[in-house]
Amino acid sequence: MDWSNILSNAVGELLSPTTAAYALAAIGLGIHFGYTGLLNFGQAAYMLIGAYAFAIPTISLGWPLWAAVLCVIVVSVIFSFILGVPTLRLRADYLAIVTIASAEILRYIVTTTGLTSVTGAANGLNGFKGTFAAINPIPDGTYGFGPFTYNAYDWWTRIVGWGIVLLATLLVWALMRSPWGRVVRGIREDEDAVRSLGKNVFAYKMQALITGGLLGSLAGIIFILPRAVQPANYTTGLTFFIWTIMLLGGAATIFGPIVGAMIFWVVLSLTQGVINGLIESGAITFLSMTQGAQLRFIIVGIALMLLVVFRPQGIFGNKKELSFSA
């Protein structure tokens, strides 16, 4: 078994654009659930919106980068209103049902063959990276050391991706120390008490839904920069990966989503490498490569169950900040 290659691939996940995208989506989910108590099980829908609202105008309409990003912001806000207006006045479990259903509805819509010319249907979309690559200031070539050796485009995606994660972290830090942050924390604990103080609870919930959803949509852009847009990537499993990351780091913490994303993807890559190596070397004979790929998710699922049982507040979290009964 090539341990150096296995470890190199796992360590490389620390700075990958995928890790950055999941961290950003988890930061948005942290605003929803960790700080406001909104049970959003459809963060994959926001990532899908970010991917398609960025790729379609770029490919079909030839829009510049700034216009495509603006389109993502507008579509994300509109979707939040469509999602939140009928549900945010109801109990949290209704929001959970609606969000998970809306994510699946959007995925089926972009997969339908009737929209093949626009969304690419099951084949997805490609050819949207030109405007992003065109503003890359890094000269062509390969840079770095060890597992962190990448070409100019790969470094550019990492710099932009993690730069946005840093800005989002600073934004959440500032918001949660402002009067607005204190109100949404109060809504998480007891929204009736906040309402009795004259605060418009629905408006604050909507603002939190829009803010966290917008971060999820920006995560959708980062997620597709190193790959094509594939509707199969936006299943409910994507949302539950984000939930795992948020709970791993801490639901109402600043750096929890970032550390959670790093640990999640390093562990996932490491377990895949070890299992594949054991199968290839003949140490494991009762599993195929396909079955081995599924085994790693079982291992991660067991680890998540143990985490929820023994440390539900996550690595950085405070038990007083966590409310599973939101």
Protein backbone atom coordinates (compact mmCIF):
# COMPACT_ATOMS: atom_id res chain seq x y z
CA MET A 1 0.00 0.00 0.00
CA ASP A 2 1.38 3.40 -1.01
CA TRP A 3 1.05 5.28 2.27
CA SER A 4 2.81 8.37 0.98
CA ASN A 5 0.28 8.79 -1.83
CA ILE A 6 -2.64 8.10 0.52
CA LEU A 7 -1.43 10.67 3.05
CA SER A 8 -0.58 13.19 0.32
CA ASN A 9 -4.08 12.98 -1.15
CA ALA A 10 -5.66 13.32 2.30
CA VAL A 11 -3.53 16.32 3.29
CA GLY A 12 -4.26 17.95 -0.08
CA GLU A 13 -7.94 18.07 0.86
CA LEU A 14 -7.17 20.69 3.51
CA LEU A 15 -6.99 23.45 0.89
CA SER A 16 -9.13 21.99 -1.88
CA PRO A 17 -11.91 24.12 -3.45
CA THR A 18 -14.38 21.38 -2.50
CA THR A 19 -13.45 21.76 1.17
CA ALA A 20 -13.80 25.54 0.85
CA ALA A 21 -17.23 25.17 -0.77
CA TYR A 22 -18.48 22.85 1.97
CA ALA A 23 -17.06 25.13 4.66
CA LEU A 24 -18.88 28.12 3.17
CA ALA A 25 -22.14 26.18 2.86
CA ALA A 26 -21.77 25.04 6.48
CA ILE A 27 -21.22 28.66 7.58
CA GLY A 28 -24.51 29.53 5.89
CA LEU A 29 -26.22 26.57 7.53
CA GLY A 30 -24.78 27.71 10.84
CA ILE A 31 -26.63 31.02 10.44
CA HIS A 32 -29.82 29.09 9.73
CA PHE A 33 -29.68 26.44 12.44
CA GLY A 34 -26.84 27.28 14.81
CA TYR A 35 -27.76 30.91 15.41
CA THR A 36 -31.43 31.26 14.38
CA GLY A 37 -32.80 27.74 14.94
CA LEU A 38 -34.11 27.25 11.39
CA LEU A 39 -34.17 23.58 10.40
CA ASN A 40 -32.94 23.89 6.82
CA PHE A 41 -32.51 20.47 5.20
CA GLY A 42 -32.19 21.91 1.72
CA GLN A 43 -28.82 23.66 1.62
CA ALA A 44 -28.12 21.58 -1.50
CA ALA A 45 -30.81 23.65 -3.23
CA TYR A 46 -28.86 26.86 -2.63
CA MET A 47 -25.66 25.25 -3.93
CA LEU A 48 -27.56 24.08 -7.00
CA ILE A 49 -28.88 27.60 -7.54
CA GLY A 50 -25.37 28.99 -7.26
CA ALA A 51 -24.01 26.51 -9.79
CA TYR A 52 -26.73 26.86 -12.43
CA ALA A 53 -27.39 30.59 -12.00
CA PHE A 54 -23.67 31.12 -12.58
CA ALA A 55 -23.13 28.62 -15.40
CA ILE A 56 -26.24 29.24 -17.54
CA PRO A 57 -25.80 33.02 -18.06
CA THR A 58 -22.09 32.51 -18.68
CA ILE A 59 -22.58 29.80 -21.32
CA SER A 60 -25.88 30.72 -22.96
CA LEU A 61 -25.82 34.52 -22.70
CA GLY A 62 -22.10 35.23 -22.58
CA TRP A 63 -22.42 37.32 -19.42
CA PRO A 64 -19.23 38.58 -17.72
CA LEU A 65 -18.17 37.19 -14.37
CA TRP A 66 -19.62 40.02 -12.27
CA ALA A 67 -23.02 39.76 -13.97
CA ALA A 68 -23.18 35.99 -13.46
CA VAL A 69 -22.36 36.40 -9.75
CA LEU A 70 -25.02 39.11 -9.47
CA CYS A 71 -27.49 36.71 -11.09
CA VAL A 72 -26.65 34.12 -8.42
CA ILE A 73 -27.33 36.66 -5.67
CA VAL A 74 -30.68 37.74 -7.14
CA VAL A 75 -31.92 34.18 -7.78
CA SER A 76 -30.82 33.08 -4.30
CA VAL A 77 -32.73 35.93 -2.62
CA ILE A 78 -35.85 35.24 -4.71
CA PHE A 79 -35.69 31.55 -3.81
CA SER A 80 -35.40 32.44 -0.10
CA PHE A 81 -38.59 34.53 -0.32
CA ILE A 82 -40.44 31.75 -2.16
CA LEU A 83 -39.25 29.28 0.46
CA GLY A 84 -39.65 31.44 3.54
CA VAL A 85 -42.91 33.36 3.06
CA PRO A 86 -45.20 30.32 3.45
CA THR A 87 -43.12 28.49 6.07
CA LEU A 88 -41.30 30.83 8.46
CA ARG A 89 -44.48 31.65 10.38
CA LEU A 90 -45.04 27.94 11.01
CA ARG A 91 -43.27 25.42 13.25
CA ALA A 92 -39.67 24.60 12.43
CA ASP A 93 -40.47 21.06 11.28
CA TYR A 94 -42.55 22.46 8.41
CA LEU A 95 -39.51 24.35 7.20
CA ALA A 96 -37.48 21.14 7.35
CA ILE A 97 -40.03 19.31 5.19
CA VAL A 98 -40.34 22.14 2.68
CA THR A 99 -36.59 22.69 2.31
CA ILE A 100 -35.72 19.06 1.71
CA ALA A 101 -38.58 18.79 -0.79
CA SER A 102 -37.62 22.02 -2.58
CA ALA A 103 -34.05 20.81 -3.05
CA GLU A 104 -35.29 17.64 -4.73
CA ILE A 105 -37.79 19.59 -6.85
CA LEU A 106 -35.05 21.87 -8.17
CA ARG A 107 -32.79 18.90 -8.90
CA TYR A 108 -35.51 17.16 -10.89
CA ILE A 109 -36.29 20.37 -12.77
CA VAL A 110 -32.71 20.84 -14.00
CA THR A 111 -32.50 17.14 -14.85
CA THR A 112 -35.60 17.07 -17.05
CA THR A 113 -34.91 16.45 -20.74
CA GLY A 114 -37.21 19.31 -21.73
CA LEU A 115 -34.57 21.77 -20.51
CA THR A 116 -31.57 20.02 -22.05
CA SER A 117 -30.66 23.04 -24.16
CA VAL A 118 -30.49 25.22 -21.04
CA THR A 119 -29.45 22.99 -18.13
CA GLY A 120 -27.85 20.08 -19.97
CA ALA A 121 -30.27 17.70 -18.21
CA ALA A 122 -28.50 14.68 -16.67
CA ASN A 123 -25.27 15.50 -18.55
CA GLY A 124 -24.92 18.85 -16.78
CA LEU A 125 -22.99 21.87 -18.02
CA ASN A 126 -19.39 22.68 -18.85
CA GLY A 127 -17.47 25.51 -20.49
CA PHE A 128 -18.30 28.23 -17.94
CA LYS A 129 -14.84 28.66 -16.41
CA GLY A 130 -13.41 30.98 -19.07
CA THR A 131 -14.49 34.26 -17.47
CA PHE A 132 -13.11 33.18 -14.09
CA ALA A 133 -9.84 31.91 -15.56
CA ALA A 134 -9.45 35.11 -17.59
CA ILE A 135 -8.93 37.24 -14.47
CA ASN A 136 -6.35 34.88 -12.98
CA PRO A 137 -3.28 37.03 -12.16
CA ILE A 138 -1.02 34.01 -11.55
CA PRO A 139 1.33 33.24 -14.49
CA ASP A 140 1.06 29.82 -16.12
CA GLY A 141 3.11 27.16 -14.42
CA THR A 142 3.20 24.82 -11.46
CA TYR A 143 3.79 26.12 -7.94
CA GLY A 144 3.95 24.74 -4.42
CA PHE A 145 5.54 21.90 -2.53
CA GLY A 146 4.65 18.32 -1.63
CA PRO A 147 0.90 17.70 -1.61
CA PHE A 148 0.26 21.41 -2.18
CA THR A 149 1.65 21.54 -5.74
CA TYR A 150 -0.87 22.91 -8.26
CA ASN A 151 -1.04 24.72 -11.55
CA ALA A 152 -1.99 28.40 -11.84
CA TYR A 153 -5.74 27.77 -12.27
CA ASP A 154 -5.91 25.39 -9.30
CA TRP A 155 -4.13 27.92 -7.08
CA TRP A 156 -6.49 30.66 -8.29
CA THR A 157 -9.58 28.61 -7.36
CA ARG A 158 -8.13 27.94 -3.93
CA ILE A 159 -7.20 31.57 -3.30
CA VAL A 160 -10.63 32.85 -4.34
CA GLY A 161 -12.52 30.04 -2.59
CA TRP A 162 -10.77 30.37 0.75
CA GLY A 163 -10.78 34.16 0.44
CA ILE A 164 -14.58 34.09 0.26
CA VAL A 165 -14.67 31.69 3.22
CA LEU A 166 -12.55 34.14 5.22
CA LEU A 167 -14.82 37.07 4.32
CA ALA A 168 -17.91 35.03 5.25
CA THR A 169 -16.33 34.13 8.60
CA LEU A 170 -15.63 37.80 9.34
CA LEU A 171 -19.20 38.68 8.31
CA VAL A 172 -20.72 36.10 10.67
CA TRP A 173 -18.38 37.18 13.47
CA ALA A 174 -19.51 40.79 13.05
CA LEU A 175 -23.21 39.94 12.67
CA MET A 176 -23.37 37.74 15.75
CA ARG A 177 -21.84 40.47 17.90
CA SER A 178 -24.28 43.08 16.63
CA PRO A 179 -27.81 43.79 17.91
CA TRP A 180 -29.10 41.78 14.93
CA GLY A 181 -27.14 38.74 16.09
CA ARG A 182 -28.48 39.02 19.61
CA VAL A 183 -32.04 39.09 18.28
CA VAL A 184 -31.64 35.97 16.11
CA ARG A 185 -30.03 34.14 19.03
CA GLY A 186 -33.04 35.11 21.09
CA ILE A 187 -35.34 33.75 18.39
CA ARG A 188 -33.47 30.46 18.55
CA GLU A 189 -34.03 30.24 22.30
CA ASP A 190 -37.59 31.59 22.60
CA GLU A 191 -39.18 33.43 19.72
CA ASP A 192 -42.32 34.22 21.71
CA ALA A 193 -40.22 36.17 24.20
CA VAL A 194 -38.54 38.07 21.37
CA ARG A 195 -41.94 38.79 19.81
CA SER A 196 -43.21 40.12 23.14
CA LEU A 197 -40.39 42.70 23.05
CA GLY A 198 -41.83 44.13 19.84
CA LYS A 199 -39.41 42.52 17.40
CA ASN A 200 -40.64 41.32 14.00
CA VAL A 201 -39.62 37.67 14.31
CA PHE A 202 -40.67 36.81 10.76
CA ALA A 203 -38.50 39.58 9.30
CA TYR A 204 -35.44 38.46 11.27
CA LYS A 205 -35.99 34.84 10.25
CA MET A 206 -36.27 35.88 6.62
CA GLN A 207 -33.08 37.91 6.86
CA ALA A 208 -31.26 34.92 8.38
CA LEU A 209 -32.63 32.60 5.68
CA ILE A 210 -31.51 34.98 2.93
CA THR A 211 -28.04 35.50 4.44
CA GLY A 212 -27.31 31.82 5.05
CA GLY A 213 -28.80 30.83 1.71
CA LEU A 214 -26.69 33.40 -0.12
CA LEU A 215 -23.53 31.91 1.40
CA GLY A 216 -24.75 28.50 0.24
CA SER A 217 -25.23 29.82 -3.30
CA LEU A 218 -21.73 31.33 -3.34
CA ALA A 219 -20.49 27.94 -2.16
CA GLY A 220 -22.21 26.48 -5.21
CA ILE A 221 -20.02 28.66 -7.45
CA ILE A 222 -16.82 27.59 -5.69
CA PHE A 223 -17.92 23.96 -5.86
CA ILE A 224 -18.10 23.91 -9.66
CA LEU A 225 -14.90 25.82 -10.44
CA PRO A 226 -12.76 22.64 -10.52
CA ARG A 227 -15.47 20.46 -12.14
CA ALA A 228 -18.52 20.41 -14.39
CA VAL A 229 -22.05 21.10 -13.17
CA GLN A 230 -23.69 17.73 -12.55
CA PRO A 231 -27.22 17.51 -11.10
CA ALA A 232 -26.30 14.19 -9.45
CA ASN A 233 -24.03 16.15 -7.08
CA TYR A 234 -26.99 17.94 -5.47
CA THR A 235 -28.84 15.07 -3.83
CA THR A 236 -29.95 15.11 -0.19
CA GLY A 237 -26.60 13.50 0.64
CA LEU A 238 -24.92 16.84 -0.08
CA THR A 239 -27.07 18.57 2.54
CA PHE A 240 -26.36 15.91 5.13
CA PHE A 241 -22.62 16.17 4.45
CA ILE A 242 -22.94 19.89 5.23
CA TRP A 243 -24.88 19.09 8.40
CA THR A 244 -22.16 16.64 9.41
CA ILE A 245 -19.50 19.30 8.90
CA MET A 246 -21.45 21.90 10.87
CA LEU A 247 -22.12 19.53 13.79
CA LEU A 248 -18.53 18.28 13.74
CA GLY A 249 -17.07 21.75 14.17
CA GLY A 250 -19.87 23.21 16.27
CA ALA A 251 -23.30 24.48 15.27
CA ALA A 252 -22.99 28.01 16.64
CA THR A 253 -19.27 28.68 16.27
CA ILE A 254 -17.19 30.92 14.03
CA PHE A 255 -14.39 28.56 13.02
CA GLY A 256 -16.29 25.30 13.55
CA PRO A 257 -17.54 24.96 9.93
CA ILE A 258 -14.03 25.54 8.54
CA VAL A 259 -12.31 23.01 10.81
CA GLY A 260 -15.23 20.61 10.41
CA ALA A 261 -14.94 20.74 6.59
CA MET A 262 -11.20 20.13 6.73
CA ILE A 263 -11.50 17.18 9.11
CA PHE A 264 -14.42 15.71 7.18
CA TRP A 265 -12.68 15.69 3.79
CA VAL A 266 -9.30 14.59 5.14
CA VAL A 267 -10.92 11.67 6.97
CA LEU A 268 -13.06 10.80 3.95
CA SER A 269 -10.03 10.82 1.63
CA LEU A 270 -7.89 8.92 4.13
CA THR A 271 -10.45 6.16 4.68
CA GLN A 272 -10.99 5.80 0.94
CA GLY A 273 -7.25 5.53 0.32
CA VAL A 274 -6.75 2.97 3.10
CA ILE A 275 -9.73 0.82 2.09
CA ASN A 276 -8.75 0.89 -1.61
CA GLY A 277 -5.16 0.03 -0.68
CA LEU A 278 -6.27 -2.92 1.44
CA ILE A 279 -8.48 -4.21 -1.37
CA GLU A 280 -5.75 -3.83 -4.00
CA SER A 281 -3.16 -5.56 -1.79
CA GLY A 282 -5.50 -8.50 -1.18
CA ALA A 283 -5.78 -7.85 2.56
CA ILE A 284 -9.53 -7.43 2.06
CA THR A 285 -11.06 -9.96 -0.32
CA PHE A 286 -14.76 -9.76 0.55
CA LEU A 287 -15.26 -6.23 -0.82
CA SER A 288 -15.09 -4.78 -4.33
CA MET A 289 -13.82 -1.27 -5.05
CA THR A 290 -17.41 -0.03 -5.38
CA GLN A 291 -18.38 -1.58 -2.06
CA GLY A 292 -15.24 -0.13 -0.47
CA ALA A 293 -16.26 3.34 -1.61
CA GLN A 294 -19.60 2.90 0.17
CA LEU A 295 -17.93 1.52 3.29
CA ARG A 296 -16.20 4.84 3.95
CA PHE A 297 -19.58 6.57 4.18
CA ILE A 298 -20.74 3.94 6.67
CA ILE A 299 -17.65 4.66 8.77
CA VAL A 300 -18.30 8.41 8.61
CA GLY A 301 -21.97 7.82 9.51
CA ILE A 302 -21.01 5.80 12.58
CA ALA A 303 -18.56 8.52 13.60
CA LEU A 304 -21.34 11.13 13.26
CA MET A 305 -23.68 9.07 15.47
CA LEU A 306 -20.97 8.80 18.13
CA LEU A 307 -20.36 12.54 17.87
CA VAL A 308 -24.04 13.38 18.38
CA VAL A 309 -24.25 11.00 21.35
CA PHE A 310 -21.06 11.92 23.18
CA ARG A 311 -20.32 15.49 22.03
CA PRO A 312 -23.38 17.03 20.38
CA GLN A 313 -21.89 20.53 20.61
CA GLY A 314 -19.04 19.56 18.27
CA ILE A 315 -15.35 20.36 18.60
CA PHE A 316 -15.63 24.09 19.36
CA GLY A 317 -19.28 24.30 20.36
CA ASN A 318 -20.89 25.13 23.64
CA LYS A 319 -23.72 22.87 24.76
CA LYS A 320 -25.71 25.92 25.81
CA GLU A 321 -25.57 27.20 22.23
CA LEU A 322 -27.03 24.03 20.72
CA SER A 323 -30.76 23.38 20.52
CA PHE A 324 -31.76 20.23 18.69
CA SER A 325 -35.36 20.98 19.65
CA ALA A 326 -35.35 24.20 17.61
